[in-house]
Amino acid sequence: MSNSIRIGVHSHNLSVFTLSRKPELLEDLLQPTGISVEWIAEKGGKQTVKLLKAGEIDIGATGTTPPILAQAEGVPVVYLATSQPRPVHGAIVVPEDSTIHEIADLKGKTVALSEGSYQQHLLAIALDKAGLTYQDVKTVDYRTIDIVQAFLKSEVDVWVAADLTLAEVQKNHKFRVLLYSSDLFSNRSIYFTRRPFTEKYPEALAAFIRALERVDRWIATHFSDAAKLLATEIGGFDASSWELSLRKRPWGLVPPSQEFIAEQQYAADVFERFSLIPNKINVSEALLSDPLSVFETNFALSGK
């Protein structure tokens, strides 16, 4: 590795994305270490596993599924920190007039979702708790279709939807929510790296965590400014929609908790039974010996 920290950036993790647009929040912390920062653009969180495995990035920021996939592929993953639980981040929805009324009714149905994301985690454990398997449904990766039109035209039966897109569709169309992600798991953002990096560059990791705390605090105290930045840099929605979404989200970091590790282990076990990963994994092997070691401070922001 060169004398730099390479961070994967994509629009699905708003904290790192915003930090990459306000790099001074990290750069001044890294200055005493002599380590610089490189921002590596990703097409989405699904690419994080590939880049981390290839050694092209040092730190990834995704939802709950990619770290499980990475560990199953033999990547020596280490969990650094998580967000607070995200209670309104996603949902499994159907058209208002659908004959589907509970998860058990999904058998034989077509489900649109973002494969490899937290949405796969949500669907898998929902099916498991309903006594179904992943093979009982037909999944369609919605990045290959126009998901909103496919859903409105009933070309798919079920949609695992993210909150911001769902809120936009809800303005003009009616649908029913079968369950929210918060009904099943805490659905956190995850920040992770490779174990060799934790051993060689602990000061860079501490700086990164502190910078994330800084940017989360900035977002939580400057919702309008943050929304304008995201509307300009990411697009897709206007600033008012971005601001509404930001105000609903939690801000601030916590070390990986035992409750979180148990959630991840349950999901990993379900993934293995459903043949979504090739082998069993022990999620606790991806923990730092001292999870607090990379935290200079520990705080939580409500985001309200």
C-alpha atoms as a PDB file:
ATOM      1  CA  MET A   1       0.000   0.000   0.000  1.00  0.00           C
ATOM      2  CA  SER A   2       1.116   3.524  -0.734  1.00  0.00           C
ATOM      3  CA  ASN A   3       1.161   6.029   2.108  1.00  0.00           C
ATOM      4  CA  SER A   4      -2.527   6.768   1.685  1.00  0.00           C
ATOM      5  CA  ILE A   5      -5.887   5.559   2.851  1.00  0.00           C
ATOM      6  CA  ARG A   6      -8.187   4.543   0.006  1.00  0.00           C
ATOM      7  CA  ILE A   7     -11.877   4.906   0.774  1.00  0.00           C
ATOM      8  CA  GLY A   8     -14.671   3.515  -1.391  1.00  0.00           C
ATOM      9  CA  VAL A   9     -17.299   6.157  -2.193  1.00  0.00           C
ATOM     10  CA  HIS A  10     -20.805   5.660  -3.572  1.00  0.00           C
ATOM     11  CA  SER A  11     -24.098   7.484  -3.258  1.00  0.00           C
ATOM     12  CA  HIS A  12     -25.768   4.795  -1.120  1.00  0.00           C
ATOM     13  CA  ASN A  13     -23.662   5.683   1.914  1.00  0.00           C
ATOM     14  CA  LEU A  14     -24.411   9.318   2.533  1.00  0.00           C
ATOM     15  CA  SER A  15     -21.905   9.820   5.339  1.00  0.00           C
ATOM     16  CA  VAL A  16     -18.864   8.794   3.295  1.00  0.00           C
ATOM     17  CA  PHE A  17     -20.250  10.447   0.168  1.00  0.00           C
ATOM     18  CA  THR A  18     -20.652  13.741   2.026  1.00  0.00           C
ATOM     19  CA  LEU A  19     -17.223  13.344   3.626  1.00  0.00           C
ATOM     20  CA  SER A  20     -15.684  12.951   0.172  1.00  0.00           C
ATOM     21  CA  ARG A  21     -17.226  16.337  -0.718  1.00  0.00           C
ATOM     22  CA  LYS A  22     -15.931  17.871   2.517  1.00  0.00           C
ATOM     23  CA  PRO A  23     -12.512  16.167   2.609  1.00  0.00           C
ATOM     24  CA  GLU A  24     -10.969  18.752   4.922  1.00  0.00           C
ATOM     25  CA  LEU A  25     -12.846  17.050   7.783  1.00  0.00           C
ATOM     26  CA  LEU A  26     -10.514  14.079   7.325  1.00  0.00           C
ATOM     27  CA  GLU A  27      -7.413  15.644   5.833  1.00  0.00           C
ATOM     28  CA  ASP A  28      -6.538  17.766   8.848  1.00  0.00           C
ATOM     29  CA  LEU A  29      -6.780  14.698  11.095  1.00  0.00           C
ATOM     30  CA  LEU A  30      -4.495  12.722   8.807  1.00  0.00           C
ATOM     31  CA  GLN A  31      -1.916  15.487   8.447  1.00  0.00           C
ATOM     32  CA  PRO A  32       0.073  14.593  11.606  1.00  0.00           C
ATOM     33  CA  THR A  33       0.292  10.967  10.444  1.00  0.00           C
ATOM     34  CA  GLY A  34       1.756  11.792   7.025  1.00  0.00           C
ATOM     35  CA  ILE A  35      -0.978   9.689   5.416  1.00  0.00           C
ATOM     36  CA  SER A  36      -3.047  11.123   2.557  1.00  0.00           C
ATOM     37  CA  VAL A  37      -6.531  10.088   1.412  1.00  0.00           C
ATOM     38  CA  GLU A  38      -7.746   8.775  -1.932  1.00  0.00           C
ATOM     39  CA  TRP A  39     -11.467   8.654  -2.743  1.00  0.00           C
ATOM     40  CA  ILE A  40     -12.238   5.648  -4.951  1.00  0.00           C
ATOM     41  CA  ALA A  41     -15.532   6.022  -6.833  1.00  0.00           C
ATOM     42  CA  GLU A  42     -17.799   2.981  -6.775  1.00  0.00           C
ATOM     43  CA  LYS A  43     -20.937   2.284  -8.764  1.00  0.00           C
ATOM     44  CA  GLY A  44     -22.637   1.054  -5.596  1.00  0.00           C
ATOM     45  CA  GLY A  45     -22.115  -0.887  -2.415  1.00  0.00           C
ATOM     46  CA  LYS A  46     -22.202  -4.172  -4.297  1.00  0.00           C
ATOM     47  CA  GLN A  47     -18.831  -3.282  -5.871  1.00  0.00           C
ATOM     48  CA  THR A  48     -17.243  -2.821  -2.449  1.00  0.00           C
ATOM     49  CA  VAL A  49     -16.623  -6.538  -1.898  1.00  0.00           C
ATOM     50  CA  LYS A  50     -14.815  -6.882  -5.233  1.00  0.00           C
ATOM     51  CA  LEU A  51     -12.626  -3.831  -4.612  1.00  0.00           C
ATOM     52  CA  LEU A  52     -11.805  -4.750  -1.020  1.00  0.00           C
ATOM     53  CA  LYS A  53     -10.952  -8.317  -2.040  1.00  0.00           C
ATOM     54  CA  ALA A  54      -8.676  -7.060  -4.816  1.00  0.00           C
ATOM     55  CA  GLY A  55      -6.946  -4.663  -2.423  1.00  0.00           C
ATOM     56  CA  GLU A  56      -8.072  -1.638  -4.451  1.00  0.00           C
ATOM     57  CA  ILE A  57      -9.722   0.046  -1.455  1.00  0.00           C
ATOM     58  CA  ASP A  58      -8.869  -0.026   2.243  1.00  0.00           C
ATOM     59  CA  ILE A  59     -12.242   0.912   3.712  1.00  0.00           C
ATOM     60  CA  GLY A  60     -15.769   0.090   2.581  1.00  0.00           C
ATOM     61  CA  ALA A  61     -19.068   1.632   3.651  1.00  0.00           C
ATOM     62  CA  THR A  62     -22.215  -0.356   2.908  1.00  0.00           C
ATOM     63  CA  GLY A  63     -25.304  -1.912   4.385  1.00  0.00           C
ATOM     64  CA  THR A  64     -25.344  -5.214   6.228  1.00  0.00           C
ATOM     65  CA  THR A  65     -25.039  -7.700   3.358  1.00  0.00           C
ATOM     66  CA  PRO A  66     -21.654  -6.934   1.691  1.00  0.00           C
ATOM     67  CA  PRO A  67     -19.518  -7.637   4.795  1.00  0.00           C
ATOM     68  CA  ILE A  68     -21.154 -11.067   5.060  1.00  0.00           C
ATOM     69  CA  LEU A  69     -20.509 -11.781   1.377  1.00  0.00           C
ATOM     70  CA  ALA A  70     -16.901 -10.605   1.732  1.00  0.00           C
ATOM     71  CA  GLN A  71     -16.212 -12.774   4.763  1.00  0.00           C
ATOM     72  CA  ALA A  72     -17.722 -15.783   2.979  1.00  0.00           C
ATOM     73  CA  GLU A  73     -15.319 -15.150   0.076  1.00  0.00           C
ATOM     74  CA  GLY A  74     -12.363 -15.301   2.437  1.00  0.00           C
ATOM     75  CA  VAL A  75     -11.698 -11.571   2.741  1.00  0.00           C
ATOM     76  CA  PRO A  76     -10.230 -10.906   6.236  1.00  0.00           C
ATOM     77  CA  VAL A  77     -12.957  -8.396   7.046  1.00  0.00           C
ATOM     78  CA  VAL A  78     -12.908  -6.276  10.191  1.00  0.00           C
ATOM     79  CA  TYR A  79     -15.945  -4.299  11.352  1.00  0.00           C
ATOM     80  CA  LEU A  80     -14.891  -0.810  12.454  1.00  0.00           C
ATOM     81  CA  ALA A  81     -18.160   0.886  13.339  1.00  0.00           C
ATOM     82  CA  THR A  82     -21.858   0.955  12.581  1.00  0.00           C
ATOM     83  CA  SER A  83     -24.506   3.612  12.359  1.00  0.00           C
ATOM     84  CA  GLN A  84     -27.380   3.756  14.755  1.00  0.00           C
ATOM     85  CA  PRO A  85     -30.348   1.524  13.757  1.00  0.00           C
ATOM     86  CA  ARG A  86     -32.148   2.855  10.672  1.00  0.00           C
ATOM     87  CA  PRO A  87     -35.852   2.296  11.449  1.00  0.00           C
ATOM     88  CA  VAL A  88     -37.371   3.723   8.251  1.00  0.00           C
ATOM     89  CA  HIS A  89     -34.759   2.764   5.716  1.00  0.00           C
ATOM     90  CA  GLY A  90     -36.562   0.064   3.712  1.00  0.00           C
ATOM     91  CA  ALA A  91     -39.748  -1.927   3.289  1.00  0.00           C
ATOM     92  CA  ILE A  92     -41.317  -4.823   1.398  1.00  0.00           C
ATOM     93  CA  VAL A  93     -44.315  -3.434  -0.481  1.00  0.00           C
ATOM     94  CA  VAL A  94     -47.055  -4.609  -2.844  1.00  0.00           C
ATOM     95  CA  PRO A  95     -49.678  -2.780  -4.943  1.00  0.00           C
ATOM     96  CA  GLU A  96     -52.748  -1.745  -2.983  1.00  0.00           C
ATOM     97  CA  ASP A  97     -54.980  -4.282  -4.780  1.00  0.00           C
ATOM     98  CA  SER A  98     -52.496  -7.163  -4.531  1.00  0.00           C
ATOM     99  CA  THR A  99     -53.698 -10.554  -3.293  1.00  0.00           C
ATOM    100  CA  ILE A 100     -50.491 -10.765  -1.269  1.00  0.00           C
ATOM    101  CA  HIS A 101     -51.219  -9.954   2.371  1.00  0.00           C
ATOM    102  CA  GLU A 102     -48.324 -11.527   4.266  1.00  0.00           C
ATOM    103  CA  ILE A 103     -44.809 -12.784   3.589  1.00  0.00           C
ATOM    104  CA  ALA A 104     -46.043 -16.380   3.353  1.00  0.00           C
ATOM    105  CA  ASP A 105     -48.003 -15.333   0.238  1.00  0.00           C
ATOM    106  CA  LEU A 106     -44.745 -14.563  -1.589  1.00  0.00           C
ATOM    107  CA  LYS A 107     -44.251 -18.173  -2.646  1.00  0.00           C
ATOM    108  CA  GLY A 108     -43.976 -18.296  -6.436  1.00  0.00           C
ATOM    109  CA  LYS A 109     -44.010 -14.501  -6.725  1.00  0.00           C
ATOM    110  CA  THR A 110     -41.547 -12.146  -8.424  1.00  0.00           C
ATOM    111  CA  VAL A 111     -39.652  -9.865  -6.055  1.00  0.00           C
ATOM    112  CA  ALA A 112     -37.638  -6.865  -7.243  1.00  0.00           C
ATOM    113  CA  LEU A 113     -34.712  -5.800  -5.061  1.00  0.00           C
ATOM    114  CA  SER A 114     -31.098  -4.699  -5.112  1.00  0.00           C
ATOM    115  CA  GLU A 115     -29.187  -7.988  -4.919  1.00  0.00           C
ATOM    116  CA  GLY A 116     -26.154  -7.885  -2.635  1.00  0.00           C
ATOM    117  CA  SER A 117     -27.544  -4.999  -0.579  1.00  0.00           C
ATOM    118  CA  TYR A 118     -29.351  -4.813   2.768  1.00  0.00           C
ATOM    119  CA  GLN A 119     -32.514  -5.551   0.770  1.00  0.00           C
ATOM    120  CA  GLN A 120     -31.298  -9.109   0.211  1.00  0.00           C
ATOM    121  CA  HIS A 121     -30.750  -9.393   3.970  1.00  0.00           C
ATOM    122  CA  LEU A 122     -34.300  -8.136   4.591  1.00  0.00           C
ATOM    123  CA  LEU A 123     -35.920 -10.489   2.081  1.00  0.00           C
ATOM    124  CA  ALA A 124     -33.934 -13.538   3.190  1.00  0.00           C
ATOM    125  CA  ILE A 125     -34.763 -13.278   6.871  1.00  0.00           C
ATOM    126  CA  ALA A 126     -38.397 -12.360   6.118  1.00  0.00           C
ATOM    127  CA  LEU A 127     -38.737 -15.528   4.030  1.00  0.00           C
ATOM    128  CA  ASP A 128     -36.982 -17.605   6.690  1.00  0.00           C
ATOM    129  CA  LYS A 129     -39.281 -16.399   9.450  1.00  0.00           C
ATOM    130  CA  ALA A 130     -42.291 -17.184   7.228  1.00  0.00           C
ATOM    131  CA  GLY A 131     -41.077 -20.741   6.634  1.00  0.00           C
ATOM    132  CA  LEU A 132     -40.053 -20.118   3.020  1.00  0.00           C
ATOM    133  CA  THR A 133     -36.676 -20.188   1.284  1.00  0.00           C
ATOM    134  CA  TYR A 134     -35.033 -17.868  -1.215  1.00  0.00           C
ATOM    135  CA  GLN A 135     -35.748 -20.434  -3.899  1.00  0.00           C
ATOM    136  CA  ASP A 136     -39.498 -20.080  -3.247  1.00  0.00           C
ATOM    137  CA  VAL A 137     -39.495 -16.671  -4.962  1.00  0.00           C
ATOM    138  CA  LYS A 138     -38.128 -15.327  -8.219  1.00  0.00           C
ATOM    139  CA  THR A 139     -35.878 -12.343  -7.624  1.00  0.00           C
ATOM    140  CA  VAL A 140     -35.131  -9.583 -10.121  1.00  0.00           C
ATOM    141  CA  ASP A 141     -32.281  -7.158  -9.551  1.00  0.00           C
ATOM    142  CA  TYR A 142     -34.002  -3.808 -10.017  1.00  0.00           C
ATOM    143  CA  ARG A 143     -30.849  -2.219 -11.348  1.00  0.00           C
ATOM    144  CA  THR A 144     -31.612  -4.115 -14.568  1.00  0.00           C
ATOM    145  CA  ILE A 145     -35.138  -2.686 -14.949  1.00  0.00           C
ATOM    146  CA  ASP A 146     -37.109   0.517 -14.422  1.00  0.00           C
ATOM    147  CA  ILE A 147     -38.325  -0.602 -11.023  1.00  0.00           C
ATOM    148  CA  VAL A 148     -40.960   2.078 -10.465  1.00  0.00           C
ATOM    149  CA  GLN A 149     -42.627   1.452 -13.821  1.00  0.00           C
ATOM    150  CA  ALA A 150     -42.307  -2.322 -13.438  1.00  0.00           C
ATOM    151  CA  PHE A 151     -43.984  -2.120 -10.050  1.00  0.00           C
ATOM    152  CA  LEU A 152     -46.761   0.234 -11.163  1.00  0.00           C
ATOM    153  CA  LYS A 153     -47.464  -1.919 -14.244  1.00  0.00           C
ATOM    154  CA  SER A 154     -47.533  -5.108 -12.115  1.00  0.00           C
ATOM    155  CA  GLU A 155     -44.598  -6.581 -14.012  1.00  0.00           C
ATOM    156  CA  VAL A 156     -43.223  -7.548 -10.599  1.00  0.00           C
ATOM    157  CA  ASP A 157     -45.359  -8.688  -7.689  1.00  0.00           C
ATOM    158  CA  VAL A 158     -43.299  -7.337  -4.810  1.00  0.00           C
ATOM    159  CA  TRP A 159     -40.806  -4.521  -4.365  1.00  0.00           C
ATOM    160  CA  VAL A 160     -38.148  -4.271  -1.662  1.00  0.00           C
ATOM    161  CA  ALA A 161     -37.850  -0.502  -1.680  1.00  0.00           C
ATOM    162  CA  ALA A 162     -35.585   2.138  -0.163  1.00  0.00           C
ATOM    163  CA  ASP A 163     -37.192   4.900   1.853  1.00  0.00           C
ATOM    164  CA  LEU A 164     -36.468   7.885  -0.379  1.00  0.00           C
ATOM    165  CA  THR A 165     -37.719   6.267  -3.585  1.00  0.00           C
ATOM    166  CA  LEU A 166     -40.710   4.848  -1.729  1.00  0.00           C
ATOM    167  CA  ALA A 167     -41.631   8.275  -0.398  1.00  0.00           C
ATOM    168  CA  GLU A 168     -41.523   9.753  -3.909  1.00  0.00           C
ATOM    169  CA  VAL A 169     -43.749   7.031  -5.362  1.00  0.00           C
ATOM    170  CA  GLN A 170     -46.145   7.355  -2.428  1.00  0.00           C
ATOM    171  CA  LYS A 171     -46.892  10.965  -3.405  1.00  0.00           C
ATOM    172  CA  ASN A 172     -48.860   9.827  -6.455  1.00  0.00           C
ATOM    173  CA  HIS A 173     -49.539   6.111  -6.017  1.00  0.00           C
ATOM    174  CA  LYS A 174     -50.965   3.825  -3.363  1.00  0.00           C
ATOM    175  CA  PHE A 175     -49.405   0.610  -2.125  1.00  0.00           C
ATOM    176  CA  ARG A 176     -49.339  -1.570   0.964  1.00  0.00           C
ATOM    177  CA  VAL A 177     -46.350  -2.230   3.196  1.00  0.00           C
ATOM    178  CA  LEU A 178     -45.994  -5.878   4.210  1.00  0.00           C
ATOM    179  CA  LEU A 179     -43.214  -5.047   6.658  1.00  0.00           C
ATOM    180  CA  TYR A 180     -40.510  -2.510   7.332  1.00  0.00           C
ATOM    181  CA  SER A 181     -36.860  -3.422   7.753  1.00  0.00           C
ATOM    182  CA  SER A 182     -37.125  -2.330  11.400  1.00  0.00           C
ATOM    183  CA  ASP A 183     -39.620  -5.152  11.980  1.00  0.00           C
ATOM    184  CA  LEU A 184     -36.797  -7.659  11.528  1.00  0.00           C
ATOM    185  CA  PHE A 185     -33.361  -6.110  12.080  1.00  0.00           C
ATOM    186  CA  SER A 186     -31.579  -2.868  12.905  1.00  0.00           C
ATOM    187  CA  ASN A 187     -30.440  -2.279   9.285  1.00  0.00           C
ATOM    188  CA  ARG A 188     -27.322  -0.248  10.007  1.00  0.00           C
ATOM    189  CA  SER A 189     -24.663   1.274   7.817  1.00  0.00           C
ATOM    190  CA  ILE A 190     -21.430  -0.673   8.229  1.00  0.00           C
ATOM    191  CA  TYR A 191     -17.839   0.583   7.995  1.00  0.00           C
ATOM    192  CA  PHE A 192     -15.257  -2.141   7.503  1.00  0.00           C
ATOM    193  CA  THR A 193     -11.726  -2.842   6.347  1.00  0.00           C
ATOM    194  CA  ARG A 194      -9.213  -5.686   5.984  1.00  0.00           C
ATOM    195  CA  ARG A 195      -7.410  -6.961   9.076  1.00  0.00           C
ATOM    196  CA  PRO A 196      -3.888  -6.270   7.744  1.00  0.00           C
ATOM    197  CA  PHE A 197      -4.839  -2.593   7.401  1.00  0.00           C
ATOM    198  CA  THR A 198      -5.981  -2.403  11.043  1.00  0.00           C
ATOM    199  CA  GLU A 199      -2.632  -3.779  12.158  1.00  0.00           C
ATOM    200  CA  LYS A 200      -0.474  -1.435  10.044  1.00  0.00           C
ATOM    201  CA  TYR A 201      -2.455   1.816  10.059  1.00  0.00           C
ATOM    202  CA  PRO A 202      -4.461   2.160  13.299  1.00  0.00           C
ATOM    203  CA  GLU A 203      -3.918   5.943  13.314  1.00  0.00           C
ATOM    204  CA  ALA A 204      -5.489   6.276   9.861  1.00  0.00           C
ATOM    205  CA  LEU A 205      -8.521   4.286  11.002  1.00  0.00           C
ATOM    206  CA  ALA A 206      -8.921   6.435  14.103  1.00  0.00           C
ATOM    207  CA  ALA A 207      -8.787   9.533  11.901  1.00  0.00           C
ATOM    208  CA  PHE A 208     -11.395   8.074   9.536  1.00  0.00           C
ATOM    209  CA  ILE A 209     -13.801   7.258  12.380  1.00  0.00           C
ATOM    210  CA  ARG A 210     -13.364  10.724  13.874  1.00  0.00           C
ATOM    211  CA  ALA A 211     -13.968  12.296  10.458  1.00  0.00           C
ATOM    212  CA  LEU A 212     -17.173  10.292  10.066  1.00  0.00           C
ATOM    213  CA  GLU A 213     -18.307  11.556  13.459  1.00  0.00           C
ATOM    214  CA  ARG A 214     -17.555  15.083  12.267  1.00  0.00           C
ATOM    215  CA  VAL A 215     -19.477  14.742   9.009  1.00  0.00           C
ATOM    216  CA  ASP A 216     -22.452  13.085  10.709  1.00  0.00           C
ATOM    217  CA  ARG A 217     -22.556  15.936  13.206  1.00  0.00           C
ATOM    218  CA  TRP A 218     -22.412  18.445  10.337  1.00  0.00           C
ATOM    219  CA  ILE A 219     -25.300  16.724   8.509  1.00  0.00           C
ATOM    220  CA  ALA A 220     -27.404  16.514  11.689  1.00  0.00           C
ATOM    221  CA  THR A 221     -26.944  20.241  12.332  1.00  0.00           C
ATOM    222  CA  HIS A 222     -27.122  21.449   8.707  1.00  0.00           C
ATOM    223  CA  PHE A 223     -29.948  19.439   7.147  1.00  0.00           C
ATOM    224  CA  SER A 224     -30.790  22.029   4.519  1.00  0.00           C
ATOM    225  CA  ASP A 225     -27.188  22.512   3.421  1.00  0.00           C
ATOM    226  CA  ALA A 226     -26.587  18.771   3.314  1.00  0.00           C
ATOM    227  CA  ALA A 227     -29.761  18.225   1.306  1.00  0.00           C
ATOM    228  CA  LYS A 228     -28.721  20.855  -1.250  1.00  0.00           C
ATOM    229  CA  LEU A 229     -25.306  19.215  -1.563  1.00  0.00           C
ATOM    230  CA  LEU A 230     -26.834  15.777  -2.161  1.00  0.00           C
ATOM    231  CA  ALA A 231     -29.444  17.109  -4.591  1.00  0.00           C
ATOM    232  CA  THR A 232     -26.643  18.709  -6.601  1.00  0.00           C
ATOM    233  CA  GLU A 233     -24.041  15.929  -6.376  1.00  0.00           C
ATOM    234  CA  ILE A 234     -26.295  12.842  -6.503  1.00  0.00           C
ATOM    235  CA  GLY A 235     -29.550  14.145  -7.946  1.00  0.00           C
ATOM    236  CA  GLY A 236     -32.582  11.943  -8.383  1.00  0.00           C
ATOM    237  CA  PHE A 237     -34.629  13.961  -5.900  1.00  0.00           C
ATOM    238  CA  ASP A 238     -35.012  17.628  -5.089  1.00  0.00           C
ATOM    239  CA  ALA A 239     -33.476  19.189  -1.994  1.00  0.00           C
ATOM    240  CA  SER A 240     -36.743  19.115  -0.042  1.00  0.00           C
ATOM    241  CA  SER A 241     -37.085  15.353  -0.513  1.00  0.00           C
ATOM    242  CA  TRP A 242     -33.458  14.824   0.459  1.00  0.00           C
ATOM    243  CA  GLU A 243     -33.938  16.950   3.566  1.00  0.00           C
ATOM    244  CA  LEU A 244     -37.010  14.997   4.647  1.00  0.00           C
ATOM    245  CA  SER A 245     -35.072  11.754   4.286  1.00  0.00           C
ATOM    246  CA  LEU A 246     -32.039  13.107   6.165  1.00  0.00           C
ATOM    247  CA  ARG A 247     -34.209  14.236   9.067  1.00  0.00           C
ATOM    248  CA  LYS A 248     -35.622  10.708   9.417  1.00  0.00           C
ATOM    249  CA  ARG A 249     -32.213   9.042   9.596  1.00  0.00           C
ATOM    250  CA  PRO A 250     -30.033   8.534  12.654  1.00  0.00           C
ATOM    251  CA  TRP A 251     -26.598  10.158  12.699  1.00  0.00           C
ATOM    252  CA  GLY A 252     -23.556   9.200  14.715  1.00  0.00           C
ATOM    253  CA  LEU A 253     -21.433   6.059  15.064  1.00  0.00           C
ATOM    254  CA  VAL A 254     -21.207   3.246  17.581  1.00  0.00           C
ATOM    255  CA  PRO A 255     -18.815   0.305  17.913  1.00  0.00           C
ATOM    256  CA  PRO A 256     -20.229  -3.030  16.717  1.00  0.00           C
ATOM    257  CA  SER A 257     -22.470  -4.314  19.511  1.00  0.00           C
ATOM    258  CA  GLN A 258     -23.128  -7.913  20.478  1.00  0.00           C
ATOM    259  CA  GLU A 259     -26.742  -7.423  19.377  1.00  0.00           C
ATOM    260  CA  PHE A 260     -25.543  -6.324  15.953  1.00  0.00           C
ATOM    261  CA  ILE A 261     -23.114  -9.254  15.656  1.00  0.00           C
ATOM    262  CA  ALA A 262     -25.936 -11.652  16.570  1.00  0.00           C
ATOM    263  CA  GLU A 263     -28.100 -10.120  13.816  1.00  0.00           C
ATOM    264  CA  GLN A 264     -25.289 -10.512  11.308  1.00  0.00           C
ATOM    265  CA  GLN A 265     -24.670 -14.114  12.381  1.00  0.00           C
ATOM    266  CA  TYR A 266     -28.344 -14.997  11.966  1.00  0.00           C
ATOM    267  CA  ALA A 267     -28.364 -13.452   8.493  1.00  0.00           C
ATOM    268  CA  ALA A 268     -25.144 -15.266   7.563  1.00  0.00           C
ATOM    269  CA  ASP A 269     -26.620 -18.579   8.719  1.00  0.00           C
ATOM    270  CA  VAL A 270     -29.752 -17.960   6.652  1.00  0.00           C
ATOM    271  CA  PHE A 271     -27.645 -16.987   3.627  1.00  0.00           C
ATOM    272  CA  GLU A 272     -25.711 -20.246   3.927  1.00  0.00           C
ATOM    273  CA  ARG A 273     -28.879 -22.337   4.184  1.00  0.00           C
ATOM    274  CA  PHE A 274     -30.345 -20.516   1.185  1.00  0.00           C
ATOM    275  CA  SER A 275     -27.098 -21.041  -0.797  1.00  0.00           C
ATOM    276  CA  LEU A 276     -26.522 -17.290  -1.070  1.00  0.00           C
ATOM    277  CA  ILE A 277     -23.018 -17.803   0.319  1.00  0.00           C
ATOM    278  CA  PRO A 278     -20.887 -20.943  -0.203  1.00  0.00           C
ATOM    279  CA  ASN A 279     -20.019 -21.722   3.402  1.00  0.00           C
ATOM    280  CA  LYS A 280     -20.702 -20.983   7.042  1.00  0.00           C
ATOM    281  CA  ILE A 281     -18.902 -18.037   8.611  1.00  0.00           C
ATOM    282  CA  ASN A 282     -18.279 -16.868  12.160  1.00  0.00           C
ATOM    283  CA  VAL A 283     -19.085 -13.159  12.162  1.00  0.00           C
ATOM    284  CA  SER A 284     -17.387 -12.590  15.513  1.00  0.00           C
ATOM    285  CA  GLU A 285     -14.047 -13.360  13.818  1.00  0.00           C
ATOM    286  CA  ALA A 286     -14.467 -10.019  12.014  1.00  0.00           C
ATOM    287  CA  LEU A 287     -14.282  -7.986  15.219  1.00  0.00           C
ATOM    288  CA  LEU A 288     -11.355  -5.956  16.494  1.00  0.00           C
ATOM    289  CA  SER A 289      -9.970  -7.263  19.769  1.00  0.00           C
ATOM    290  CA  ASP A 290     -10.844  -3.845  21.202  1.00  0.00           C
ATOM    291  CA  PRO A 291     -13.736  -2.345  19.196  1.00  0.00           C
ATOM    292  CA  LEU A 292     -13.315   0.981  20.999  1.00  0.00           C
ATOM    293  CA  SER A 293      -9.696   1.330  19.954  1.00  0.00           C
ATOM    294  CA  VAL A 294     -10.455   3.299  16.783  1.00  0.00           C
ATOM    295  CA  PHE A 295     -12.850   5.681  18.552  1.00  0.00           C
ATOM    296  CA  GLU A 296     -11.415   8.938  19.816  1.00  0.00           C
ATOM    297  CA  THR A 297     -14.851   9.864  21.091  1.00  0.00           C
ATOM    298  CA  ASN A 298     -18.143   8.062  21.214  1.00  0.00           C
ATOM    299  CA  PHE A 299     -21.316   9.984  20.624  1.00  0.00           C
ATOM    300  CA  ALA A 300     -24.748   9.465  19.123  1.00  0.00           C
ATOM    301  CA  LEU A 301     -26.940  11.969  17.311  1.00  0.00           C
ATOM    302  CA  SER A 302     -30.672  11.459  17.133  1.00  0.00           C
ATOM    303  CA  GLY A 303     -31.029  13.047  13.710  1.00  0.00           C
ATOM    304  CA  LYS A 304     -34.368  14.459  14.794  1.00  0.00           C
END
